[in-house]
Amino acid sequence: MKCAGWKCSLSLGFVLGTILLGAAPLAGEATPSPAVTPSLLSPKISMTAALLSEPPEPAQTIGEKLKELEQGVEEAKSKGDNAWMLVSAALVLMMTGPGLALFYGGLVRQKNTLAIMMQSFALMALITVMWALVGYSLCFGGSGPVIGGFEHAFLRGVGAEPNPDYAATIPQMTFMVYQLMFAVITPALIAGATAERMKFSGTVLFMALWFLVVYAPLAHMVWGKGGLLNASLGGKFPTLDFAGGTVVHISSGVSALVCALYMGKRVGYPKQPMPPHSLVLSFIGACLLWVGWFGFNAGSALAAGSLASSAFVATHFGAAAAAFSWSTVEWIKNGRASALGAISGAVAGLVAITPAAGFVRPMPALGIGAVAGVVCFGMVTKVKTAFGYDDALDAFGVHGAGGTIGALLTGVFAQQVVNPIFGVGKAVGGLDGHWGQVGNQLVGVLIAWAFALVGTIILLKIVDLLIGIRVPEEQELEGLDITQHGEEAYNLET
């Protein structure tokens, strides 16, 4: 039996709807959830139904996501900076031992090899202990114009948290140990002038006092918050000294000259020839100094960024130019270039570029190195001979003269495009049009010279009165290895 088309369609639709969705609820009853068999739905519909059945998670705002991202970036940057600074600290320590120890050890006569090397090694231990007790606090504590305070004595408050005044992305502990390595090598440089005639006991006492009286005040004045010569933290005479031209090299070089004059000449100098006993040792030491100096200068950026790269390049270029210019002048004068001259020139260039490394471009770095090589060659070969002082290993001729040249030329060639230390867009040095910076550099140089001169003279007299500072003549003739340490550098018995 057939039925009308519309009636059959309506009946069929009702039956199918009842089967799939169940009977319609009675009026007034709560509408039950439809009993839908998941297998009857498509996968996409099934997934959508499952998501809608779960309670929604709290929505994370864009601001919160950006904050998490920024924290991750800052953490990664901090880890990278910290790794670079720890490596730099190790490189600077390598400059003292083995670098300086080998460099000086090869330049003295054989009988004094261990004695000069022992002085470098002893200062690695002595200055470290003093740094932990009061040295770091005197250099970087407080905000006085000349010397720091005792807030960090015994390393109080020096831990994992950064000190934003000095290095905001690395632990203060890292900053502290990095600066320690500068304090270690600075007095060790002075030993180049007193080589072969200074008592070991006199060396220890003098260097300990010199660190407190000369180094600590200069370090605070130039690098410490509120220091008289600080260029970025409120100094009255903002002196640009990126890595230690005044603090390290002028102070040690000028003090070396004072020590040489006070102690007098070695027995037999200058009539008796006193050539280096092993230029091989000195050559190795000079190469280690060159490599370590990247930590010395590029590490002074206190971060693994573009400024460190700039200082790294300037350091290498300055050393190379000075080695080249020293050797060229020597070749013209003597008809040949010596290995001793080449390594001495490289060290002179490294010294001169130190204050400028983080402020100058590569071409000015070449110029600073070239000038330093020529001038330091003249200091070592002409000026020392003319005045007759016995700067045994030319600590003043290289470090005092080189540091002074570098500090003054920094004022000429520093540019804000390399380091906007005075603020973005503000002139830094002469090339930017700020020629007054040369005057600030001169003030810094004069203060460093004065501190080193006066402080060293006073300390030498005190130490000489207390324990004596020079070995007796018979001990000097026998050699300091045996008389001061009871050992010999080489056992030549077969």
Protein backbone atom coordinates (compact mmCIF):
# COMPACT_ATOMS: atom_id res chain seq x y z
CA MET A 1 0.00 0.00 0.00
CA LYS A 2 1.38 3.32 -0.98
CA CYS A 3 1.14 6.55 1.01
CA ALA A 4 1.33 10.20 0.07
CA GLY A 5 4.90 11.39 -0.57
CA TRP A 6 5.03 14.10 2.05
CA LYS A 7 3.44 11.89 4.67
CA CYS A 8 5.94 9.09 4.08
CA SER A 9 8.90 11.51 4.29
CA LEU A 10 7.65 12.96 7.54
CA SER A 11 7.13 9.50 9.06
CA LEU A 12 10.57 8.32 7.97
CA GLY A 13 12.26 11.44 9.40
CA PHE A 14 10.51 10.99 12.71
CA VAL A 15 11.59 7.35 12.99
CA LEU A 16 15.22 8.10 12.18
CA GLY A 17 15.31 11.04 14.60
CA THR A 18 13.91 8.87 17.36
CA ILE A 19 16.49 6.16 16.75
CA LEU A 20 19.46 8.55 16.73
CA LEU A 21 18.50 11.04 19.40
CA GLY A 22 16.06 9.16 21.58
CA ALA A 23 12.50 10.01 22.45
CA ALA A 24 11.62 13.69 22.89
CA PRO A 25 11.36 14.78 26.53
CA LEU A 26 8.05 15.53 28.07
CA ALA A 27 7.12 19.11 28.70
CA GLY A 28 8.74 20.36 31.93
CA GLU A 29 11.46 17.73 32.06
CA ALA A 30 15.16 18.63 31.92
CA THR A 31 16.61 18.04 28.55
CA PRO A 32 19.01 15.11 28.83
CA SER A 33 22.32 15.04 27.01
CA PRO A 34 21.90 13.17 23.78
CA ALA A 35 23.34 9.68 23.93
CA VAL A 36 25.63 9.86 20.95
CA THR A 37 27.81 6.90 20.14
CA PRO A 38 31.31 8.19 19.38
CA SER A 39 31.84 5.61 16.70
CA LEU A 40 29.01 7.09 14.74
CA LEU A 41 30.77 10.48 14.57
CA SER A 42 33.68 11.48 12.39
CA PRO A 43 37.16 11.80 14.06
CA LYS A 44 37.11 15.61 13.83
CA ILE A 45 33.67 15.82 15.46
CA SER A 46 34.77 13.35 18.18
CA MET A 47 37.90 15.46 18.97
CA THR A 48 35.91 18.66 19.11
CA ALA A 49 33.40 17.06 21.46
CA ALA A 50 36.20 15.88 23.78
CA LEU A 51 37.78 19.36 23.91
CA LEU A 52 34.46 21.00 24.67
CA SER A 53 33.78 18.52 27.46
CA GLU A 54 37.06 19.48 29.35
CA PRO A 55 37.20 22.58 31.54
CA PRO A 56 39.11 25.39 29.77
CA GLU A 57 42.67 26.27 31.02
CA PRO A 58 43.34 29.83 32.21
CA ALA A 59 44.42 31.92 29.26
CA GLN A 60 48.09 33.24 29.44
CA THR A 61 48.35 36.87 28.56
CA ILE A 62 50.72 38.11 25.91
CA GLY A 63 52.49 40.14 28.59
CA GLU A 64 53.20 37.03 30.65
CA LYS A 65 54.54 35.19 27.62
CA LEU A 66 56.83 38.11 26.76
CA LYS A 67 58.04 38.26 30.35
CA GLU A 68 58.94 34.56 30.30
CA LEU A 69 60.76 35.03 27.00
CA GLU A 70 62.72 38.00 28.32
CA GLN A 71 63.71 36.06 31.43
CA GLY A 72 64.98 33.20 29.27
CA VAL A 73 67.01 35.57 27.11
CA GLU A 74 68.52 37.31 30.16
CA GLU A 75 69.41 33.98 31.74
CA ALA A 76 71.15 32.81 28.58
CA LYS A 77 73.03 36.11 28.28
CA SER A 78 74.13 35.91 31.90
CA LYS A 79 75.45 32.38 31.43
CA GLY A 80 77.35 33.38 28.29
CA ASP A 81 78.87 36.46 29.93
CA ASN A 82 79.82 34.49 33.02
CA ALA A 83 81.54 31.80 30.96
CA TRP A 84 83.56 34.40 29.05
CA MET A 85 84.58 36.21 32.23
CA LEU A 86 85.75 33.04 33.96
CA VAL A 87 87.87 32.18 30.90
CA SER A 88 89.22 35.75 30.87
CA ALA A 89 90.16 35.49 34.55
CA ALA A 90 92.12 32.32 33.82
CA LEU A 91 93.86 34.01 30.88
CA VAL A 92 94.95 36.96 33.03
CA LEU A 93 96.29 34.63 35.71
CA MET A 94 98.21 32.81 32.97
CA MET A 95 99.91 36.13 32.21
CA THR A 96 101.61 36.07 35.62
CA GLY A 97 102.38 32.39 35.77
CA PRO A 98 103.66 31.06 33.45
CA GLY A 99 103.75 34.12 31.13
CA LEU A 100 105.62 36.76 33.12
CA ALA A 101 107.58 34.18 35.10
CA LEU A 102 109.02 32.70 31.90
CA PHE A 103 109.50 36.08 30.22
CA TYR A 104 111.48 37.49 33.16
CA GLY A 105 113.07 34.12 33.96
CA GLY A 106 114.76 33.94 30.57
CA LEU A 107 116.00 37.55 30.68
CA VAL A 108 118.06 37.21 33.89
CA ARG A 109 121.33 35.37 34.29
CA GLN A 110 121.13 31.65 34.95
CA LYS A 111 121.96 31.98 38.67
CA ASN A 112 118.87 34.12 39.26
CA THR A 113 116.29 32.23 37.19
CA LEU A 114 114.32 30.58 40.00
CA ALA A 115 114.47 33.69 42.18
CA ILE A 116 112.72 35.93 39.65
CA MET A 117 110.18 33.23 38.79
CA MET A 118 109.50 32.63 42.48
CA GLN A 119 108.64 36.30 42.93
CA SER A 120 105.85 36.04 40.35
CA PHE A 121 104.57 32.80 41.86
CA ALA A 122 104.70 34.09 45.43
CA LEU A 123 102.62 37.12 44.49
CA MET A 124 99.94 34.86 43.03
CA ALA A 125 99.46 33.50 46.56
CA LEU A 126 100.16 36.62 48.63
CA ILE A 127 97.93 39.06 46.74
CA THR A 128 95.11 36.52 46.55
CA VAL A 129 94.99 36.23 50.34
CA MET A 130 95.15 40.00 50.80
CA TRP A 131 92.47 40.49 48.14
CA ALA A 132 90.08 38.19 49.98
CA LEU A 133 90.69 39.90 53.32
CA VAL A 134 90.53 43.60 52.40
CA GLY A 135 91.85 44.21 48.88
CA TYR A 136 88.63 43.78 46.92
CA SER A 137 86.73 45.96 49.36
CA LEU A 138 89.33 48.74 49.24
CA CYS A 139 89.23 48.75 45.44
CA PHE A 140 85.51 48.29 44.77
CA GLY A 141 83.71 48.93 48.04
CA GLY A 142 82.26 52.30 49.08
CA SER A 143 82.05 55.38 46.89
CA GLY A 144 84.82 57.67 48.11
CA PRO A 145 87.00 59.65 45.69
CA VAL A 146 90.33 57.99 46.63
CA ILE A 147 89.82 54.67 48.41
CA GLY A 148 87.00 52.22 48.98
CA GLY A 149 85.58 51.05 52.28
CA PHE A 150 85.38 47.82 54.25
CA GLU A 151 81.86 46.76 53.33
CA HIS A 152 83.20 43.75 51.39
CA ALA A 153 86.04 42.88 53.78
CA PHE A 154 86.40 39.10 54.08
CA LEU A 155 84.23 39.05 50.91
CA ARG A 156 81.03 39.87 52.78
CA GLY A 157 78.13 40.19 50.37
CA VAL A 158 80.13 38.84 47.44
CA GLY A 159 78.17 35.96 45.98
CA ALA A 160 75.99 34.86 43.09
CA GLU A 161 74.06 38.12 42.77
CA PRO A 162 75.52 40.71 40.37
CA ASN A 163 76.74 44.12 41.47
CA PRO A 164 74.87 46.40 39.03
CA ASP A 165 77.36 49.24 39.52
CA TYR A 166 80.10 47.21 37.84
CA ALA A 167 78.78 44.18 35.96
CA ALA A 168 75.02 43.61 35.86
CA THR A 169 75.03 40.26 34.03
CA ILE A 170 77.59 38.22 35.97
CA PRO A 171 77.84 37.14 39.61
CA GLN A 172 79.78 39.54 41.78
CA MET A 173 81.94 36.55 42.71
CA THR A 174 83.07 36.33 39.07
CA PHE A 175 83.75 40.06 38.88
CA MET A 176 85.74 39.84 42.11
CA VAL A 177 88.00 37.01 40.96
CA TYR A 178 88.54 38.61 37.55
CA GLN A 179 89.73 41.87 39.12
CA LEU A 180 91.96 39.87 41.46
CA MET A 181 94.08 38.73 38.53
CA PHE A 182 94.94 42.36 37.69
CA ALA A 183 96.00 42.92 41.28
CA VAL A 184 98.26 39.84 41.10
CA ILE A 185 100.23 40.78 37.99
CA THR A 186 100.72 44.49 38.71
CA PRO A 187 103.29 44.25 41.54
CA ALA A 188 104.94 41.32 39.77
CA LEU A 189 105.85 43.67 36.90
CA ILE A 190 107.97 45.78 39.29
CA ALA A 191 110.29 42.82 39.86
CA GLY A 192 111.73 43.42 36.40
CA ALA A 193 113.58 46.48 37.69
CA THR A 194 114.79 44.93 40.96
CA ALA A 195 115.88 41.63 39.41
CA GLU A 196 119.07 39.93 40.61
CA ARG A 197 119.56 42.05 43.73
CA MET A 198 116.38 42.30 45.87
CA LYS A 199 115.94 40.06 48.90
CA PHE A 200 112.99 37.68 48.78
CA SER A 201 111.81 38.79 52.22
CA GLY A 202 112.10 42.41 51.14
CA THR A 203 110.11 41.64 48.01
CA VAL A 204 107.27 40.05 49.95
CA LEU A 205 106.94 42.88 52.49
CA PHE A 206 107.38 45.67 49.97
CA MET A 207 104.88 44.22 47.48
CA ALA A 208 102.29 43.64 50.20
CA LEU A 209 102.53 47.25 51.36
CA TRP A 210 102.66 48.56 47.80
CA PHE A 211 99.44 46.75 46.96
CA LEU A 212 97.64 48.49 49.83
CA VAL A 213 99.18 51.95 49.49
CA VAL A 214 99.56 52.39 45.72
CA TYR A 215 97.50 49.85 43.79
CA ALA A 216 94.28 49.86 45.82
CA PRO A 217 93.79 53.66 45.78
CA LEU A 218 94.56 53.92 42.06
CA ALA A 219 92.22 51.03 41.22
CA HIS A 220 89.41 52.68 43.16
CA MET A 221 90.06 56.13 41.71
CA VAL A 222 89.93 54.85 38.13
CA TRP A 223 87.45 51.94 38.30
CA GLY A 224 85.61 52.29 41.61
CA LYS A 225 82.24 53.97 42.09
CA GLY A 226 82.73 57.66 42.90
CA GLY A 227 86.47 57.43 42.21
CA LEU A 228 88.22 60.69 41.39
CA LEU A 229 89.20 59.50 37.89
CA ASN A 230 86.24 57.24 37.11
CA ALA A 231 84.76 57.99 33.69
CA SER A 232 81.39 56.28 34.13
CA LEU A 233 80.55 56.38 37.84
CA GLY A 234 80.89 59.97 38.91
CA GLY A 235 84.59 60.86 38.69
CA LYS A 236 85.62 64.51 38.85
CA PHE A 237 88.28 63.97 36.17
CA PRO A 238 86.85 61.24 33.90
CA THR A 239 89.91 59.33 32.73
CA LEU A 240 89.50 56.64 30.08
CA ASP A 241 91.34 53.52 31.17
CA PHE A 242 89.67 50.46 29.74
CA ALA A 243 91.94 47.76 31.17
CA GLY A 244 94.71 49.33 33.24
CA GLY A 245 97.02 51.78 31.49
CA THR A 246 97.21 53.95 34.59
CA VAL A 247 96.24 51.44 37.27
CA VAL A 248 98.53 48.63 36.13
CA HIS A 249 101.26 49.83 33.80
CA ILE A 250 102.03 53.41 34.83
CA SER A 251 101.89 52.51 38.50
CA SER A 252 104.16 49.48 38.18
CA GLY A 253 106.49 51.07 35.61
CA VAL A 254 107.09 54.26 37.58
CA SER A 255 107.50 52.29 40.81
CA ALA A 256 110.02 50.09 39.00
CA LEU A 257 112.09 53.16 38.09
CA VAL A 258 112.03 54.37 41.69
CA CYS A 259 113.15 50.92 42.91
CA ALA A 260 115.99 50.79 40.39
CA LEU A 261 117.25 54.23 41.44
CA TYR A 262 116.88 53.51 45.16
CA MET A 263 118.61 50.12 45.08
CA GLY A 264 121.41 51.13 42.77
CA LYS A 265 123.08 49.18 40.01
CA ARG A 266 123.86 45.48 40.01
CA VAL A 267 127.45 44.56 40.79
CA GLY A 268 129.42 44.94 37.55
CA TYR A 269 126.74 46.89 35.64
CA PRO A 270 127.20 48.27 32.99
CA LYS A 271 130.81 47.25 32.38
CA GLN A 272 130.18 43.54 32.74
CA PRO A 273 127.95 42.00 30.03
CA MET A 274 124.70 40.60 31.48
CA PRO A 275 122.85 39.04 28.53
CA PRO A 276 119.68 36.96 28.94
CA HIS A 277 120.52 33.37 29.73
CA SER A 278 117.63 31.84 27.74
CA LEU A 279 115.76 33.77 25.09
CA VAL A 280 113.77 30.61 24.41
CA LEU A 281 112.11 30.92 27.82
CA SER A 282 111.50 34.61 27.26
CA PHE A 283 110.07 33.94 23.79
CA ILE A 284 107.58 31.41 25.18
CA GLY A 285 106.70 33.78 27.99
CA ALA A 286 106.07 36.65 25.59
CA CYS A 287 103.76 34.50 23.46
CA LEU A 288 101.81 33.48 26.56
CA LEU A 289 101.53 37.13 27.54
CA TRP A 290 100.17 38.01 24.10
CA VAL A 291 97.50 35.32 24.29
CA GLY A 292 96.64 36.07 27.92
CA TRP A 293 96.27 39.76 27.10
CA PHE A 294 93.04 39.00 25.25
CA GLY A 295 91.53 38.14 28.61
CA PHE A 296 93.16 41.23 30.10
CA ASN A 297 91.70 43.67 27.54
CA ALA A 298 88.72 41.98 25.87
CA GLY A 299 87.64 40.61 29.24
CA SER A 300 87.45 44.15 30.57
CA ALA A 301 84.24 44.56 28.53
CA LEU A 302 82.74 42.44 31.36
CA ALA A 303 80.40 40.79 28.84
CA ALA A 304 80.63 38.57 25.76
CA GLY A 305 79.40 41.22 23.34
CA SER A 306 80.54 43.44 20.52
CA LEU A 307 82.68 45.60 22.83
CA ALA A 308 84.73 42.53 23.76
CA SER A 309 85.24 41.82 20.06
CA SER A 310 86.40 45.38 19.45
CA ALA A 311 88.86 45.25 22.35
CA PHE A 312 90.12 41.86 21.20
CA VAL A 313 90.90 43.15 17.71
CA ALA A 314 92.49 46.38 19.00
CA THR A 315 94.71 44.37 21.35
CA HIS A 316 96.03 42.12 18.61
CA PHE A 317 96.58 44.96 16.16
CA GLY A 318 98.40 47.09 18.74
CA ALA A 319 100.78 44.27 19.66
CA ALA A 320 101.54 43.41 16.04
CA ALA A 321 102.18 47.02 15.04
CA ALA A 322 104.56 47.59 17.96
CA ALA A 323 106.52 44.41 17.28
CA PHE A 324 106.84 45.50 13.67
CA SER A 325 107.88 49.10 14.43
CA TRP A 326 110.40 48.11 17.14
CA SER A 327 111.99 45.53 14.85
CA THR A 328 112.09 47.99 11.95
CA VAL A 329 113.86 50.68 13.96
CA GLU A 330 116.28 48.12 15.39
CA TRP A 331 116.99 46.77 11.91
CA ILE A 332 117.73 50.26 10.64
CA LYS A 333 119.98 51.02 13.61
CA ASN A 334 121.82 47.70 14.00
CA GLY A 335 121.47 46.09 10.60
CA ARG A 336 119.34 43.22 11.92
CA ALA A 337 116.16 42.54 13.89
CA SER A 338 116.60 40.53 17.09
CA ALA A 339 114.21 38.11 18.74
CA LEU A 340 114.56 40.03 22.01
CA GLY A 341 113.59 43.24 20.25
CA ALA A 342 110.56 41.65 18.58
CA ILE A 343 109.10 40.25 21.80
CA SER A 344 109.90 43.44 23.71
CA GLY A 345 108.10 45.43 21.04
CA ALA A 346 105.04 43.19 21.21
CA VAL A 347 104.82 43.66 24.98
CA ALA A 348 105.21 47.43 24.57
CA GLY A 349 102.31 47.45 22.11
CA LEU A 350 100.15 45.38 24.44
CA VAL A 351 100.89 47.83 27.25
CA ALA A 352 100.09 50.90 25.17
CA ILE A 353 96.82 49.57 23.75
CA THR A 354 95.54 48.50 27.17
CA PRO A 355 93.86 51.78 28.19
CA ALA A 356 92.52 52.33 24.66
CA ALA A 357 91.38 48.81 23.76
CA GLY A 358 87.70 49.39 24.43
CA PHE A 359 87.54 52.88 22.93
CA VAL A 360 89.36 52.81 19.56
CA ARG A 361 88.88 51.32 16.12
CA PRO A 362 91.40 48.95 14.48
CA MET A 363 93.33 51.58 12.49
CA PRO A 364 94.02 53.85 15.49
CA ALA A 365 95.03 50.69 17.38
CA LEU A 366 97.68 50.06 14.72
CA GLY A 367 98.86 53.65 15.11
CA ILE A 368 99.08 53.46 18.91
CA GLY A 369 101.08 50.25 18.68
CA ALA A 370 103.45 51.65 16.08
CA VAL A 371 104.19 54.76 18.16
CA ALA A 372 104.70 52.69 21.31
CA GLY A 373 107.20 50.40 19.59
CA VAL A 374 109.39 53.30 18.46
CA VAL A 375 109.20 55.28 21.71
CA CYS A 376 109.81 52.30 24.00
CA PHE A 377 112.76 51.24 21.84
CA GLY A 378 114.25 54.68 22.42
CA MET A 379 113.58 54.49 26.17
CA VAL A 380 115.34 51.15 26.47
CA THR A 381 118.32 51.85 24.20
CA LYS A 382 118.87 55.60 24.56
CA VAL A 383 117.27 57.10 27.66
CA LYS A 384 118.35 54.33 30.06
CA THR A 385 121.92 54.59 28.82
CA ALA A 386 121.93 58.39 28.99
CA PHE A 387 120.73 58.51 32.61
CA GLY A 388 122.62 55.39 33.70
CA TYR A 389 119.93 53.73 35.84
CA ASP A 390 119.83 49.94 36.04
CA ASP A 391 116.29 48.94 35.10
CA ALA A 392 117.38 45.31 34.74
CA LEU A 393 114.51 44.00 32.60
CA ASP A 394 113.22 47.36 31.31
CA ALA A 395 110.05 47.47 33.38
CA PHE A 396 109.98 51.27 33.25
CA GLY A 397 111.05 51.55 29.61
CA VAL A 398 108.21 49.26 28.49
CA HIS A 399 105.45 49.56 31.09
CA GLY A 400 105.96 53.07 32.45
CA ALA A 401 106.62 54.69 29.08
CA GLY A 402 104.20 52.48 27.14
CA GLY A 403 101.41 53.02 29.65
CA THR A 404 101.87 56.79 29.56
CA ILE A 405 101.82 56.90 25.75
CA GLY A 406 98.74 54.70 25.59
CA ALA A 407 96.84 56.72 28.19
CA LEU A 408 97.44 60.01 26.38
CA LEU A 409 96.68 58.64 22.91
CA THR A 410 93.45 57.14 24.23
CA GLY A 411 92.18 60.68 24.71
CA VAL A 412 92.97 61.43 21.07
CA PHE A 413 91.51 58.34 19.36
CA ALA A 414 88.59 57.30 21.59
CA GLN A 415 85.21 57.38 19.82
CA GLN A 416 81.63 57.05 21.01
CA VAL A 417 80.81 54.75 18.09
CA VAL A 418 83.04 52.16 19.77
CA ASN A 419 82.07 52.84 23.37
CA PRO A 420 79.48 55.51 24.25
CA ILE A 421 80.74 55.71 27.81
CA PHE A 422 79.48 59.26 28.28
CA GLY A 423 76.08 58.52 26.73
CA VAL A 424 74.81 57.78 23.23
CA GLY A 425 75.64 60.60 20.85
CA LYS A 426 78.08 62.30 23.21
CA ALA A 427 81.68 62.88 22.14
CA VAL A 428 84.29 60.73 23.85
CA GLY A 429 87.74 61.65 22.51
CA GLY A 430 89.52 63.96 20.14
CA LEU A 431 88.31 62.24 16.98
CA ASP A 432 84.76 63.00 18.15
CA GLY A 433 85.68 66.64 18.73
CA HIS A 434 86.14 66.33 22.50
CA TRP A 435 89.77 67.40 22.78
CA GLY A 436 89.29 68.22 26.43
CA GLN A 437 89.51 64.48 27.07
CA VAL A 438 93.25 64.68 26.41
CA GLY A 439 93.44 67.03 29.39
CA ASN A 440 91.53 64.54 31.55
CA GLN A 441 93.94 61.83 30.45
CA LEU A 442 96.88 64.02 31.41
CA VAL A 443 95.41 64.56 34.89
CA GLY A 444 95.03 60.79 35.30
CA VAL A 445 98.60 60.17 34.16
CA LEU A 446 100.02 62.79 36.55
CA ILE A 447 98.07 61.42 39.51
CA ALA A 448 99.22 57.87 38.73
CA TRP A 449 102.82 59.04 38.43
CA ALA A 450 102.62 60.98 41.70
CA PHE A 451 101.05 58.13 43.64
CA ALA A 452 103.61 55.65 42.37
CA LEU A 453 106.61 57.95 42.97
CA VAL A 454 105.74 59.09 46.47
CA GLY A 455 104.26 55.83 47.68
CA THR A 456 107.17 53.73 46.44
CA ILE A 457 109.85 55.95 47.96
CA ILE A 458 108.17 55.89 51.37
CA LEU A 459 107.60 52.13 51.32
CA LEU A 460 111.16 51.35 50.22
CA LYS A 461 112.56 53.33 53.13
CA ILE A 462 110.23 51.61 55.60
CA VAL A 463 111.08 48.12 54.37
CA ASP A 464 114.78 48.92 54.21
CA LEU A 465 114.75 50.07 57.82
CA LEU A 466 112.78 47.06 59.02
CA ILE A 467 114.43 44.10 57.26
CA GLY A 468 116.69 45.46 54.52
CA ILE A 469 115.87 45.31 50.86
CA ARG A 470 119.05 44.39 48.98
CA VAL A 471 121.10 41.23 49.32
CA PRO A 472 124.78 41.52 50.37
CA GLU A 473 127.30 41.73 47.55
CA GLU A 474 128.64 38.22 48.09
CA GLN A 475 125.14 36.76 47.80
CA GLU A 476 124.48 38.76 44.66
CA LEU A 477 127.64 37.39 43.09
CA GLU A 478 126.73 33.82 44.05
CA GLY A 479 123.20 34.21 42.73
CA LEU A 480 119.79 34.56 44.33
CA ASP A 481 118.67 31.03 43.48
CA ILE A 482 121.11 29.52 45.96
CA THR A 483 121.27 32.31 48.54
CA GLN A 484 117.53 33.02 48.74
CA HIS A 485 115.99 29.63 48.00
CA GLY A 486 118.74 27.01 48.28
CA GLU A 487 118.02 25.70 44.80
CA GLU A 488 119.31 25.93 41.23
CA ALA A 489 117.26 26.31 38.08
CA TYR A 490 119.28 23.75 36.14
CA ASN A 491 121.02 20.58 37.28
CA LEU A 492 123.84 20.32 34.77
CA GLU A 493 125.49 17.26 36.33
CA THR A 494 125.86 14.28 33.99
